[in-house]
Amino acid sequence: MKKKLEEGIDFYYNGDGLMVLTAKFHLERGHCCGNGCKHCPYNYENVPEPKKTKLLNDRQKQG
């Protein structure tokens, strides 16, 4: 049975009104989905190149 997502814990809405999944959600899911999610705790391991490298570089710049 799927767990109901909780706003502020599993996701939030960004300034554009889009749902953004949190790192907590991703950790509970247990793997990288390959979509390049903002809070991916798996270093985008399933994201294809060259997008993966761009995302990792952008994350590093943000500190």
Foldseek 3Di string as FASTA:
>chain_A
DDDDDDEPQQWHADPVRDIAGACVVQVVVPDQPQPLGLHPPPQSVNHDPPVSVVSNVVVVVVD
